[in-house]
Amino acid sequence: MKYLRYVAIIIALVGLFSCNNNSEKDVEAITASKVKKAANEAIPEMSIYNLPSHWTTKNGEEIELKDLQGKVVVMVMIYTTCKAACPRLVADMRNIEKQVPEEKKDDVQYVFVSIDPETDTPERLKAFSKENEMEDDKWLFLRGTEADTREFAAVLAVNYKEISPMDFSHSNIISVFDQRGEMVHQQEGLGVDNKETIAAIIELAK
């Protein structure tokens, strides 16, 4: 009888430990599920961070757009061999950056996306950033595949067309995105009054 009682106690203890282990595993699974759900909910449906595209920086590093989460993003599409509109767009971006208050500068990322990925290799982008004195981390230069570039241009409502080797006609649009990748403002034209763009950036930046 004592032997049977001991067996019963051991079985009960094993069952108790098993329940505790299962309970811990359940808690871990639920926690992981909640974390994953929260991460997914952090990116709105209309966010550019939902795009599956991959990009290469001027330093040859591979990134996704969602790697930019958490900062206000000011973005423009250009190509480095452009001699007319693009230098003015670069000047507009520089002018915008200068007007952002010092205490908010670290919260803003300025991004240039090439519409000519065949010519704009990482080496060419790096040389371009050096030529324009934009080597700081706040200036990001990206190139992607032709398909990803076309898709992204469509999202930004940027039209471009090759009219001769290394020469394109294209829209002149600067876009502002919030920390979760939703577009909040666009500035069209060259050398235009950018007060509204500056105001949008300042309001969003922490």
C-alpha atoms as a PDB file:
ATOM      1  CA  MET A   1       0.000   0.000   0.000  1.00  0.00           C
ATOM      2  CA  LYS A   2       2.841   2.395   0.881  1.00  0.00           C
ATOM      3  CA  TYR A   3       4.500   1.572  -2.424  1.00  0.00           C
ATOM      4  CA  LEU A   4       1.323   2.422  -4.337  1.00  0.00           C
ATOM      5  CA  ARG A   5       0.974   5.655  -2.370  1.00  0.00           C
ATOM      6  CA  TYR A   6       4.552   6.668  -3.317  1.00  0.00           C
ATOM      7  CA  VAL A   7       3.867   5.865  -6.971  1.00  0.00           C
ATOM      8  CA  ALA A   8       0.721   8.010  -6.867  1.00  0.00           C
ATOM      9  CA  ILE A   9       2.651  10.926  -5.342  1.00  0.00           C
ATOM     10  CA  ILE A  10       5.403  10.670  -7.974  1.00  0.00           C
ATOM     11  CA  ILE A  11       2.854  10.594 -10.805  1.00  0.00           C
ATOM     12  CA  ALA A  12       1.116  13.654  -9.353  1.00  0.00           C
ATOM     13  CA  LEU A  13       4.407  15.554  -9.068  1.00  0.00           C
ATOM     14  CA  VAL A  14       5.402  14.672 -12.639  1.00  0.00           C
ATOM     15  CA  GLY A  15       1.998  15.865 -13.807  1.00  0.00           C
ATOM     16  CA  LEU A  16       2.421  19.104 -11.849  1.00  0.00           C
ATOM     17  CA  PHE A  17       5.855  19.817 -13.356  1.00  0.00           C
ATOM     18  CA  SER A  18       4.537  18.961 -16.803  1.00  0.00           C
ATOM     19  CA  CYS A  19       1.657  21.397 -16.370  1.00  0.00           C
ATOM     20  CA  ASN A  20       4.046  24.102 -15.194  1.00  0.00           C
ATOM     21  CA  ASN A  21       6.340  23.533 -18.166  1.00  0.00           C
ATOM     22  CA  ASN A  22       3.407  23.637 -20.576  1.00  0.00           C
ATOM     23  CA  SER A  23       2.142  26.758 -18.863  1.00  0.00           C
ATOM     24  CA  GLU A  24       5.532  28.445 -19.276  1.00  0.00           C
ATOM     25  CA  LYS A  25       5.645  27.415 -22.939  1.00  0.00           C
ATOM     26  CA  ASP A  26       2.115  28.750 -23.440  1.00  0.00           C
ATOM     27  CA  VAL A  27       3.087  32.059 -21.854  1.00  0.00           C
ATOM     28  CA  GLU A  28       6.168  32.269 -24.091  1.00  0.00           C
ATOM     29  CA  ALA A  29       4.081  31.493 -27.180  1.00  0.00           C
ATOM     30  CA  ILE A  30       1.433  34.073 -26.264  1.00  0.00           C
ATOM     31  CA  THR A  31       4.110  36.695 -25.548  1.00  0.00           C
ATOM     32  CA  ALA A  32       5.851  36.002 -28.863  1.00  0.00           C
ATOM     33  CA  SER A  33       2.500  36.223 -30.653  1.00  0.00           C
ATOM     34  CA  LYS A  34       1.722  39.564 -29.002  1.00  0.00           C
ATOM     35  CA  VAL A  35       5.156  40.956 -29.910  1.00  0.00           C
ATOM     36  CA  LYS A  36       4.733  39.843 -33.526  1.00  0.00           C
ATOM     37  CA  LYS A  37       1.223  41.292 -33.667  1.00  0.00           C
ATOM     38  CA  ALA A  38       2.405  44.602 -32.183  1.00  0.00           C
ATOM     39  CA  ALA A  39       5.211  44.793 -34.744  1.00  0.00           C
ATOM     40  CA  ASN A  40       2.776  44.226 -37.585  1.00  0.00           C
ATOM     41  CA  GLU A  41       0.311  46.774 -36.204  1.00  0.00           C
ATOM     42  CA  ALA A  42       3.095  49.357 -35.949  1.00  0.00           C
ATOM     43  CA  ILE A  43       3.224  49.580 -39.760  1.00  0.00           C
ATOM     44  CA  PRO A  44       0.021  51.096 -41.214  1.00  0.00           C
ATOM     45  CA  GLU A  45      -1.539  49.647 -44.341  1.00  0.00           C
ATOM     46  CA  MET A  46      -0.523  52.644 -46.470  1.00  0.00           C
ATOM     47  CA  SER A  47       3.064  52.705 -45.231  1.00  0.00           C
ATOM     48  CA  ILE A  48       5.945  52.461 -47.710  1.00  0.00           C
ATOM     49  CA  TYR A  49       7.497  50.058 -45.203  1.00  0.00           C
ATOM     50  CA  ASN A  50       5.133  47.359 -46.453  1.00  0.00           C
ATOM     51  CA  LEU A  51       6.914  47.326 -49.808  1.00  0.00           C
ATOM     52  CA  PRO A  52       9.099  44.210 -50.235  1.00  0.00           C
ATOM     53  CA  SER A  53      11.764  46.035 -52.234  1.00  0.00           C
ATOM     54  CA  HIS A  54      15.471  45.847 -51.416  1.00  0.00           C
ATOM     55  CA  TRP A  55      17.961  48.677 -51.900  1.00  0.00           C
ATOM     56  CA  THR A  56      21.708  49.219 -51.966  1.00  0.00           C
ATOM     57  CA  THR A  57      23.384  52.198 -50.288  1.00  0.00           C
ATOM     58  CA  LYS A  58      26.393  54.162 -51.553  1.00  0.00           C
ATOM     59  CA  ASN A  59      28.487  51.971 -49.253  1.00  0.00           C
ATOM     60  CA  GLY A  60      27.205  48.771 -50.865  1.00  0.00           C
ATOM     61  CA  GLU A  61      25.017  47.841 -47.901  1.00  0.00           C
ATOM     62  CA  GLU A  62      21.690  46.086 -48.538  1.00  0.00           C
ATOM     63  CA  ILE A  63      18.671  47.590 -46.766  1.00  0.00           C
ATOM     64  CA  GLU A  64      14.867  47.560 -46.848  1.00  0.00           C
ATOM     65  CA  LEU A  65      12.757  50.686 -46.578  1.00  0.00           C
ATOM     66  CA  LYS A  66      11.431  49.514 -43.221  1.00  0.00           C
ATOM     67  CA  ASP A  67      14.954  49.945 -41.845  1.00  0.00           C
ATOM     68  CA  LEU A  68      14.172  53.689 -41.885  1.00  0.00           C
ATOM     69  CA  GLN A  69      11.346  53.328 -39.335  1.00  0.00           C
ATOM     70  CA  GLY A  70      11.395  55.725 -36.428  1.00  0.00           C
ATOM     71  CA  LYS A  71      12.582  58.803 -38.307  1.00  0.00           C
ATOM     72  CA  VAL A  72      10.884  61.444 -40.393  1.00  0.00           C
ATOM     73  CA  VAL A  73      11.953  60.681 -43.963  1.00  0.00           C
ATOM     74  CA  VAL A  74      12.356  63.365 -46.624  1.00  0.00           C
ATOM     75  CA  MET A  75      12.742  61.688 -50.002  1.00  0.00           C
ATOM     76  CA  VAL A  76      13.394  62.630 -53.625  1.00  0.00           C
ATOM     77  CA  MET A  77      14.114  60.638 -56.792  1.00  0.00           C
ATOM     78  CA  ILE A  78      17.024  61.844 -58.925  1.00  0.00           C
ATOM     79  CA  TYR A  79      19.843  60.516 -61.116  1.00  0.00           C
ATOM     80  CA  THR A  80      23.466  61.521 -60.751  1.00  0.00           C
ATOM     81  CA  THR A  81      24.213  62.389 -64.393  1.00  0.00           C
ATOM     82  CA  CYS A  82      21.371  64.919 -64.489  1.00  0.00           C
ATOM     83  CA  LYS A  83      22.581  68.428 -65.330  1.00  0.00           C
ATOM     84  CA  ALA A  84      19.369  70.448 -65.028  1.00  0.00           C
ATOM     85  CA  ALA A  85      16.603  69.591 -62.545  1.00  0.00           C
ATOM     86  CA  CYS A  86      18.442  67.240 -60.168  1.00  0.00           C
ATOM     87  CA  PRO A  87      21.086  69.745 -58.989  1.00  0.00           C
ATOM     88  CA  ARG A  88      18.227  72.076 -58.093  1.00  0.00           C
ATOM     89  CA  LEU A  89      16.427  69.279 -56.239  1.00  0.00           C
ATOM     90  CA  VAL A  90      19.623  68.595 -54.319  1.00  0.00           C
ATOM     91  CA  ALA A  91      19.792  72.314 -53.478  1.00  0.00           C
ATOM     92  CA  ASP A  92      16.154  72.209 -52.322  1.00  0.00           C
ATOM     93  CA  MET A  93      16.903  69.258 -50.021  1.00  0.00           C
ATOM     94  CA  ARG A  94      19.930  71.059 -48.610  1.00  0.00           C
ATOM     95  CA  ASN A  95      17.847  74.184 -48.044  1.00  0.00           C
ATOM     96  CA  ILE A  96      15.165  72.174 -46.245  1.00  0.00           C
ATOM     97  CA  GLU A  97      17.751  70.518 -44.002  1.00  0.00           C
ATOM     98  CA  LYS A  98      19.253  73.866 -43.029  1.00  0.00           C
ATOM     99  CA  GLN A  99      15.879  75.172 -41.836  1.00  0.00           C
ATOM    100  CA  VAL A 100      15.102  72.267 -39.512  1.00  0.00           C
ATOM    101  CA  PRO A 101      15.838  73.298 -35.899  1.00  0.00           C
ATOM    102  CA  GLU A 102      19.065  71.907 -34.478  1.00  0.00           C
ATOM    103  CA  GLU A 103      17.273  69.964 -31.734  1.00  0.00           C
ATOM    104  CA  LYS A 104      15.250  68.045 -34.347  1.00  0.00           C
ATOM    105  CA  LYS A 105      17.919  67.370 -36.962  1.00  0.00           C
ATOM    106  CA  ASP A 106      18.790  63.904 -35.614  1.00  0.00           C
ATOM    107  CA  ASP A 107      15.181  62.774 -36.093  1.00  0.00           C
ATOM    108  CA  VAL A 108      15.168  63.415 -39.855  1.00  0.00           C
ATOM    109  CA  GLN A 109      16.592  61.246 -42.638  1.00  0.00           C
ATOM    110  CA  TYR A 110      17.113  62.665 -46.137  1.00  0.00           C
ATOM    111  CA  VAL A 111      16.947  60.057 -48.881  1.00  0.00           C
ATOM    112  CA  PHE A 112      17.895  60.217 -52.558  1.00  0.00           C
ATOM    113  CA  VAL A 113      16.617  57.330 -54.692  1.00  0.00           C
ATOM    114  CA  SER A 114      18.163  56.854 -58.130  1.00  0.00           C
ATOM    115  CA  ILE A 115      15.895  56.471 -61.159  1.00  0.00           C
ATOM    116  CA  ASP A 116      18.899  55.213 -63.140  1.00  0.00           C
ATOM    117  CA  PRO A 117      20.178  52.194 -61.183  1.00  0.00           C
ATOM    118  CA  GLU A 118      22.199  50.932 -64.136  1.00  0.00           C
ATOM    119  CA  THR A 119      24.454  54.007 -64.105  1.00  0.00           C
ATOM    120  CA  ASP A 120      24.165  54.887 -60.432  1.00  0.00           C
ATOM    121  CA  THR A 121      26.239  52.117 -58.925  1.00  0.00           C
ATOM    122  CA  PRO A 122      27.170  52.331 -55.223  1.00  0.00           C
ATOM    123  CA  GLU A 123      30.540  53.717 -56.295  1.00  0.00           C
ATOM    124  CA  ARG A 124      28.885  56.423 -58.399  1.00  0.00           C
ATOM    125  CA  LEU A 125      26.471  57.322 -55.588  1.00  0.00           C
ATOM    126  CA  LYS A 126      29.351  57.588 -53.161  1.00  0.00           C
ATOM    127  CA  ALA A 127      31.254  59.886 -55.525  1.00  0.00           C
ATOM    128  CA  PHE A 128      28.108  61.980 -56.008  1.00  0.00           C
ATOM    129  CA  SER A 129      27.621  62.365 -52.249  1.00  0.00           C
ATOM    130  CA  LYS A 130      31.224  63.483 -51.926  1.00  0.00           C
ATOM    131  CA  GLU A 131      30.890  65.967 -54.805  1.00  0.00           C
ATOM    132  CA  ASN A 132      27.855  67.502 -53.093  1.00  0.00           C
ATOM    133  CA  GLU A 133      29.368  67.394 -49.598  1.00  0.00           C
ATOM    134  CA  MET A 134      26.623  65.035 -48.416  1.00  0.00           C
ATOM    135  CA  GLU A 135      28.674  62.316 -46.773  1.00  0.00           C
ATOM    136  CA  ASP A 136      27.051  62.579 -43.327  1.00  0.00           C
ATOM    137  CA  ASP A 137      24.689  59.812 -42.198  1.00  0.00           C
ATOM    138  CA  LYS A 138      21.684  62.140 -42.492  1.00  0.00           C
ATOM    139  CA  TRP A 139      22.051  61.884 -46.302  1.00  0.00           C
ATOM    140  CA  LEU A 140      21.168  58.438 -47.661  1.00  0.00           C
ATOM    141  CA  PHE A 141      21.644  57.449 -51.318  1.00  0.00           C
ATOM    142  CA  LEU A 142      19.861  54.355 -52.636  1.00  0.00           C
ATOM    143  CA  ARG A 143      19.623  52.317 -55.814  1.00  0.00           C
ATOM    144  CA  GLY A 144      17.406  49.297 -56.481  1.00  0.00           C
ATOM    145  CA  THR A 145      16.348  47.027 -59.314  1.00  0.00           C
ATOM    146  CA  GLU A 146      14.537  48.543 -62.270  1.00  0.00           C
ATOM    147  CA  ALA A 147      11.292  46.866 -61.139  1.00  0.00           C
ATOM    148  CA  ASP A 148      11.564  48.083 -57.524  1.00  0.00           C
ATOM    149  CA  THR A 149      12.442  51.576 -58.715  1.00  0.00           C
ATOM    150  CA  ARG A 150       9.408  51.700 -61.008  1.00  0.00           C
ATOM    151  CA  GLU A 151       7.124  50.429 -58.255  1.00  0.00           C
ATOM    152  CA  PHE A 152       8.422  52.947 -55.757  1.00  0.00           C
ATOM    153  CA  ALA A 153       8.149  55.827 -58.237  1.00  0.00           C
ATOM    154  CA  ALA A 154       4.493  54.901 -58.772  1.00  0.00           C
ATOM    155  CA  VAL A 155       3.896  55.071 -55.000  1.00  0.00           C
ATOM    156  CA  LEU A 156       5.427  58.561 -54.893  1.00  0.00           C
ATOM    157  CA  ALA A 157       3.552  59.622 -58.064  1.00  0.00           C
ATOM    158  CA  VAL A 158       6.918  60.309 -59.696  1.00  0.00           C
ATOM    159  CA  ASN A 159       6.938  59.850 -63.459  1.00  0.00           C
ATOM    160  CA  TYR A 160      10.182  59.346 -65.327  1.00  0.00           C
ATOM    161  CA  LYS A 161      11.201  58.307 -68.820  1.00  0.00           C
ATOM    162  CA  GLU A 162      14.548  57.706 -70.477  1.00  0.00           C
ATOM    163  CA  ILE A 163      14.911  60.059 -73.423  1.00  0.00           C
ATOM    164  CA  SER A 164      18.518  59.180 -74.275  1.00  0.00           C
ATOM    165  CA  PRO A 165      21.365  57.234 -72.658  1.00  0.00           C
ATOM    166  CA  MET A 166      21.877  58.666 -69.146  1.00  0.00           C
ATOM    167  CA  ASP A 167      19.209  61.323 -69.691  1.00  0.00           C
ATOM    168  CA  PHE A 168      15.694  61.226 -68.233  1.00  0.00           C
ATOM    169  CA  SER A 169      12.633  63.414 -68.043  1.00  0.00           C
ATOM    170  CA  HIS A 170      11.110  63.132 -64.582  1.00  0.00           C
ATOM    171  CA  SER A 171       8.811  64.660 -61.979  1.00  0.00           C
ATOM    172  CA  ASN A 172      10.301  67.036 -59.442  1.00  0.00           C
ATOM    173  CA  ILE A 173       8.685  65.955 -56.188  1.00  0.00           C
ATOM    174  CA  ILE A 174      10.005  65.918 -52.626  1.00  0.00           C
ATOM    175  CA  SER A 175       7.992  63.660 -50.299  1.00  0.00           C
ATOM    176  CA  VAL A 176       7.798  63.667 -46.498  1.00  0.00           C
ATOM    177  CA  PHE A 177       6.945  60.491 -44.546  1.00  0.00           C
ATOM    178  CA  ASP A 178       6.208  60.108 -40.859  1.00  0.00           C
ATOM    179  CA  GLN A 179       8.000  57.698 -38.507  1.00  0.00           C
ATOM    180  CA  ARG A 180       5.769  54.800 -39.614  1.00  0.00           C
ATOM    181  CA  GLY A 181       6.238  55.379 -43.321  1.00  0.00           C
ATOM    182  CA  GLU A 182       2.994  57.151 -44.197  1.00  0.00           C
ATOM    183  CA  MET A 183       3.198  60.045 -46.633  1.00  0.00           C
ATOM    184  CA  VAL A 184       2.148  63.316 -45.010  1.00  0.00           C
ATOM    185  CA  HIS A 185       3.297  65.952 -47.479  1.00  0.00           C
ATOM    186  CA  GLN A 186       4.658  66.508 -50.981  1.00  0.00           C
ATOM    187  CA  GLN A 187       6.434  69.500 -52.465  1.00  0.00           C
ATOM    188  CA  GLU A 188       6.300  69.811 -56.256  1.00  0.00           C
ATOM    189  CA  GLY A 189       8.493  71.965 -58.462  1.00  0.00           C
ATOM    190  CA  LEU A 190      11.995  73.395 -58.330  1.00  0.00           C
ATOM    191  CA  GLY A 191      13.106  76.208 -56.054  1.00  0.00           C
ATOM    192  CA  VAL A 192       9.590  76.592 -54.666  1.00  0.00           C
ATOM    193  CA  ASP A 193       8.599  78.022 -51.300  1.00  0.00           C
ATOM    194  CA  ASN A 194       9.232  75.140 -48.915  1.00  0.00           C
ATOM    195  CA  LYS A 195       7.637  76.615 -45.778  1.00  0.00           C
ATOM    196  CA  GLU A 196       4.904  73.962 -45.729  1.00  0.00           C
ATOM    197  CA  THR A 197       7.470  71.192 -46.118  1.00  0.00           C
ATOM    198  CA  ILE A 198       9.547  72.570 -43.249  1.00  0.00           C
ATOM    199  CA  ALA A 199       6.428  72.922 -41.088  1.00  0.00           C
ATOM    200  CA  ALA A 200       5.434  69.299 -41.759  1.00  0.00           C
ATOM    201  CA  ILE A 201       8.902  68.038 -40.832  1.00  0.00           C
ATOM    202  CA  ILE A 202       9.103  70.119 -37.648  1.00  0.00           C
ATOM    203  CA  GLU A 203       5.646  68.997 -36.527  1.00  0.00           C
ATOM    204  CA  LEU A 204       6.550  65.327 -36.987  1.00  0.00           C
ATOM    205  CA  ALA A 205      10.098  65.357 -35.623  1.00  0.00           C
ATOM    206  CA  LYS A 206      10.457  64.580 -31.923  1.00  0.00           C
END
